[in-house]
Amino acid sequence: MYKDLSSGVKISITRSISKSFEAYLASIGWDEDKFSMEDFIKNWQEYFTENAAWYEKIPNEILTNSQFHEEIAQKIDEVIAKILNEEPTEKQIESIDEMQKQLGTDYTYSCKAEAAYIEQLLKNQLNQ
């Protein structure tokens, strides 16, 4: 069912998962102990029902189909794995290292998205 959707809808679904996942992790400060897949799914559902155009483009009989839900769950797993496995860029590493020296902090991060969160956090601290 998922594979039968247009490429534009599939791209929009992937983007909505990515945006929601990163926003959810930012809301919990990228703290693994606070992570709840159930809470993330609730946040994602709120996001796509309120903000995503793709939701309205999929017929209700597909949206309510259990096979579609299984395929979406697999897509969520794939998107999360991709986000968590993408290495921080050299530019991010250099920027974070420099700001941490200035601030005397020692934040750790393991992926590009988390590095972006830490980088913004440090920039905010420097601007205070």
C-alpha atoms as a PDB file:
ATOM      1  CA  MET A   1       0.000   0.000   0.000  1.00  0.00           C
ATOM      2  CA  TYR A   2       2.717   2.465   0.993  1.00  0.00           C
ATOM      3  CA  LYS A   3       4.762   1.578  -2.082  1.00  0.00           C
ATOM      4  CA  ASP A   4       1.756   2.406  -4.272  1.00  0.00           C
ATOM      5  CA  LEU A   5       1.636   6.025  -3.085  1.00  0.00           C
ATOM      6  CA  SER A   6       3.068   8.744  -5.315  1.00  0.00           C
ATOM      7  CA  SER A   7       6.698   9.636  -4.768  1.00  0.00           C
ATOM      8  CA  GLY A   8       5.667  13.123  -3.614  1.00  0.00           C
ATOM      9  CA  VAL A   9       3.418  11.704  -0.892  1.00  0.00           C
ATOM     10  CA  LYS A  10       6.110   9.251   0.222  1.00  0.00           C
ATOM     11  CA  ILE A  11       8.670  12.075   0.413  1.00  0.00           C
ATOM     12  CA  SER A  12       6.203  14.170   2.433  1.00  0.00           C
ATOM     13  CA  ILE A  13       5.586  11.284   4.833  1.00  0.00           C
ATOM     14  CA  THR A  14       9.327  10.820   5.305  1.00  0.00           C
ATOM     15  CA  ARG A  15       9.808  14.553   5.940  1.00  0.00           C
ATOM     16  CA  SER A  16       6.979  14.617   8.456  1.00  0.00           C
ATOM     17  CA  ILE A  17       8.533  11.706  10.337  1.00  0.00           C
ATOM     18  CA  SER A  18      11.974  13.357  10.320  1.00  0.00           C
ATOM     19  CA  LYS A  19      10.716  16.774  11.413  1.00  0.00           C
ATOM     20  CA  SER A  20       8.521  15.314  14.135  1.00  0.00           C
ATOM     21  CA  PHE A  21      11.244  13.003  15.427  1.00  0.00           C
ATOM     22  CA  GLU A  22      13.824  15.769  15.646  1.00  0.00           C
ATOM     23  CA  ALA A  23      11.322  18.165  17.238  1.00  0.00           C
ATOM     24  CA  TYR A  24      10.282  15.513  19.758  1.00  0.00           C
ATOM     25  CA  LEU A  25      13.894  14.777  20.685  1.00  0.00           C
ATOM     26  CA  ALA A  26      14.589  18.494  21.069  1.00  0.00           C
ATOM     27  CA  SER A  27      11.562  18.778  23.357  1.00  0.00           C
ATOM     28  CA  ILE A  28      13.090  16.151  25.665  1.00  0.00           C
ATOM     29  CA  GLY A  29      16.610  17.565  25.352  1.00  0.00           C
ATOM     30  CA  TRP A  30      17.800  14.499  23.426  1.00  0.00           C
ATOM     31  CA  ASP A  31      17.633  12.600  26.734  1.00  0.00           C
ATOM     32  CA  GLU A  32      17.402   8.861  25.993  1.00  0.00           C
ATOM     33  CA  ASP A  33      15.872   8.201  29.402  1.00  0.00           C
ATOM     34  CA  LYS A  34      12.927  10.460  28.575  1.00  0.00           C
ATOM     35  CA  PHE A  35      12.298   8.926  25.149  1.00  0.00           C
ATOM     36  CA  SER A  36       8.977   7.208  24.617  1.00  0.00           C
ATOM     37  CA  MET A  37       8.041   5.787  21.225  1.00  0.00           C
ATOM     38  CA  GLU A  38       4.402   6.169  22.213  1.00  0.00           C
ATOM     39  CA  ASP A  39       4.889   9.886  22.933  1.00  0.00           C
ATOM     40  CA  PHE A  40       6.771  10.365  19.672  1.00  0.00           C
ATOM     41  CA  ILE A  41       3.984   8.671  17.697  1.00  0.00           C
ATOM     42  CA  LYS A  42       1.407  10.925  19.388  1.00  0.00           C
ATOM     43  CA  ASN A  43       3.485  13.993  18.462  1.00  0.00           C
ATOM     44  CA  TRP A  44       3.888  12.777  14.893  1.00  0.00           C
ATOM     45  CA  GLN A  45       0.146  12.130  14.561  1.00  0.00           C
ATOM     46  CA  GLU A  46      -0.599  15.636  15.815  1.00  0.00           C
ATOM     47  CA  TYR A  47       1.940  17.053  13.384  1.00  0.00           C
ATOM     48  CA  PHE A  48       0.678  15.283  10.293  1.00  0.00           C
ATOM     49  CA  THR A  49      -3.009  15.813  10.989  1.00  0.00           C
ATOM     50  CA  GLU A  50      -2.467  19.542  11.548  1.00  0.00           C
ATOM     51  CA  ASN A  51       0.405  20.382   9.192  1.00  0.00           C
ATOM     52  CA  ALA A  52       0.972  17.739   6.537  1.00  0.00           C
ATOM     53  CA  ALA A  53      -0.728  18.012   3.158  1.00  0.00           C
ATOM     54  CA  TRP A  54      -0.066  14.332   2.409  1.00  0.00           C
ATOM     55  CA  TYR A  55      -2.584  13.236   5.031  1.00  0.00           C
ATOM     56  CA  GLU A  56      -5.467  14.622   2.998  1.00  0.00           C
ATOM     57  CA  LYS A  57      -4.179  12.999  -0.214  1.00  0.00           C
ATOM     58  CA  ILE A  58      -4.474   9.423   1.056  1.00  0.00           C
ATOM     59  CA  PRO A  59      -7.896   7.791   0.879  1.00  0.00           C
ATOM     60  CA  ASN A  60      -9.465   6.905   4.220  1.00  0.00           C
ATOM     61  CA  GLU A  61      -9.625   3.200   3.331  1.00  0.00           C
ATOM     62  CA  ILE A  62      -5.817   3.190   3.086  1.00  0.00           C
ATOM     63  CA  LEU A  63      -5.315   5.305   6.218  1.00  0.00           C
ATOM     64  CA  THR A  64      -7.397   2.884   8.271  1.00  0.00           C
ATOM     65  CA  ASN A  65      -5.881  -0.294   6.814  1.00  0.00           C
ATOM     66  CA  SER A  66      -3.732  -2.330   9.235  1.00  0.00           C
ATOM     67  CA  GLN A  67      -1.274  -3.251   6.454  1.00  0.00           C
ATOM     68  CA  PHE A  68      -0.694   0.456   5.792  1.00  0.00           C
ATOM     69  CA  HIS A  69      -0.069   0.987   9.514  1.00  0.00           C
ATOM     70  CA  GLU A  70       2.524  -1.813   9.504  1.00  0.00           C
ATOM     71  CA  GLU A  71       4.231  -0.307   6.476  1.00  0.00           C
ATOM     72  CA  ILE A  72       4.253   3.145   8.094  1.00  0.00           C
ATOM     73  CA  ALA A  73       5.725   1.644  11.277  1.00  0.00           C
ATOM     74  CA  GLN A  74       8.512   0.139   9.181  1.00  0.00           C
ATOM     75  CA  LYS A  75       9.059   3.506   7.473  1.00  0.00           C
ATOM     76  CA  ILE A  76       9.253   5.208  10.871  1.00  0.00           C
ATOM     77  CA  ASP A  77      11.902   2.708  11.979  1.00  0.00           C
ATOM     78  CA  GLU A  78      13.895   3.321   8.782  1.00  0.00           C
ATOM     79  CA  VAL A  79      13.745   7.111   9.105  1.00  0.00           C
ATOM     80  CA  ILE A  80      14.738   7.024  12.783  1.00  0.00           C
ATOM     81  CA  ALA A  81      17.652   4.684  12.034  1.00  0.00           C
ATOM     82  CA  LYS A  82      18.842   6.968   9.241  1.00  0.00           C
ATOM     83  CA  ILE A  83      18.690  10.046  11.487  1.00  0.00           C
ATOM     84  CA  LEU A  84      20.494   8.353  14.358  1.00  0.00           C
ATOM     85  CA  ASN A  85      23.213   6.911  12.109  1.00  0.00           C
ATOM     86  CA  GLU A  86      24.059  10.055  10.152  1.00  0.00           C
ATOM     87  CA  GLU A  87      27.444  11.309  11.312  1.00  0.00           C
ATOM     88  CA  PRO A  88      27.903  14.938  12.422  1.00  0.00           C
ATOM     89  CA  THR A  89      29.640  17.095   9.828  1.00  0.00           C
ATOM     90  CA  GLU A  90      33.167  18.371  10.337  1.00  0.00           C
ATOM     91  CA  LYS A  91      31.756  21.891  10.395  1.00  0.00           C
ATOM     92  CA  GLN A  92      29.373  20.955  13.214  1.00  0.00           C
ATOM     93  CA  ILE A  93      32.125  19.284  15.200  1.00  0.00           C
ATOM     94  CA  GLU A  94      34.435  22.284  14.844  1.00  0.00           C
ATOM     95  CA  SER A  95      31.670  24.745  15.726  1.00  0.00           C
ATOM     96  CA  ILE A  96      30.576  22.768  18.787  1.00  0.00           C
ATOM     97  CA  ASP A  97      34.165  22.270  19.977  1.00  0.00           C
ATOM     98  CA  GLU A  98      34.852  26.008  19.712  1.00  0.00           C
ATOM     99  CA  MET A  99      31.699  27.018  21.560  1.00  0.00           C
ATOM    100  CA  GLN A 100      32.252  24.384  24.256  1.00  0.00           C
ATOM    101  CA  LYS A 101      35.748  25.784  24.860  1.00  0.00           C
ATOM    102  CA  GLN A 102      34.269  29.263  25.262  1.00  0.00           C
ATOM    103  CA  LEU A 103      31.504  28.078  27.573  1.00  0.00           C
ATOM    104  CA  GLY A 104      33.387  25.375  29.473  1.00  0.00           C
ATOM    105  CA  THR A 105      30.745  22.786  28.632  1.00  0.00           C
ATOM    106  CA  ASP A 106      31.108  19.142  27.680  1.00  0.00           C
ATOM    107  CA  TYR A 107      27.991  18.107  25.764  1.00  0.00           C
ATOM    108  CA  THR A 108      28.207  14.863  23.864  1.00  0.00           C
ATOM    109  CA  TYR A 109      26.362  14.009  20.674  1.00  0.00           C
ATOM    110  CA  SER A 110      26.328  11.053  18.367  1.00  0.00           C
ATOM    111  CA  CYS A 111      24.576  12.053  15.149  1.00  0.00           C
ATOM    112  CA  LYS A 112      24.122  15.004  12.834  1.00  0.00           C
ATOM    113  CA  ALA A 113      20.649  15.885  14.144  1.00  0.00           C
ATOM    114  CA  GLU A 114      21.769  15.798  17.768  1.00  0.00           C
ATOM    115  CA  ALA A 115      24.813  17.886  16.849  1.00  0.00           C
ATOM    116  CA  ALA A 116      22.477  20.471  15.289  1.00  0.00           C
ATOM    117  CA  TYR A 117      20.494  20.540  18.534  1.00  0.00           C
ATOM    118  CA  ILE A 118      23.661  20.953  20.656  1.00  0.00           C
ATOM    119  CA  GLU A 119      25.014  23.597  18.291  1.00  0.00           C
ATOM    120  CA  GLN A 120      21.824  25.658  18.638  1.00  0.00           C
ATOM    121  CA  LEU A 121      21.803  25.145  22.410  1.00  0.00           C
ATOM    122  CA  LEU A 122      25.379  26.452  22.643  1.00  0.00           C
ATOM    123  CA  LYS A 123      24.642  29.408  20.362  1.00  0.00           C
ATOM    124  CA  ASN A 124      21.710  30.319  22.615  1.00  0.00           C
ATOM    125  CA  GLN A 125      23.979  30.124  25.676  1.00  0.00           C
ATOM    126  CA  LEU A 126      26.546  32.360  24.053  1.00  0.00           C
ATOM    127  CA  ASN A 127      23.887  34.930  23.163  1.00  0.00           C
ATOM    128  CA  GLN A 128      22.581  35.205  26.725  1.00  0.00           C
END
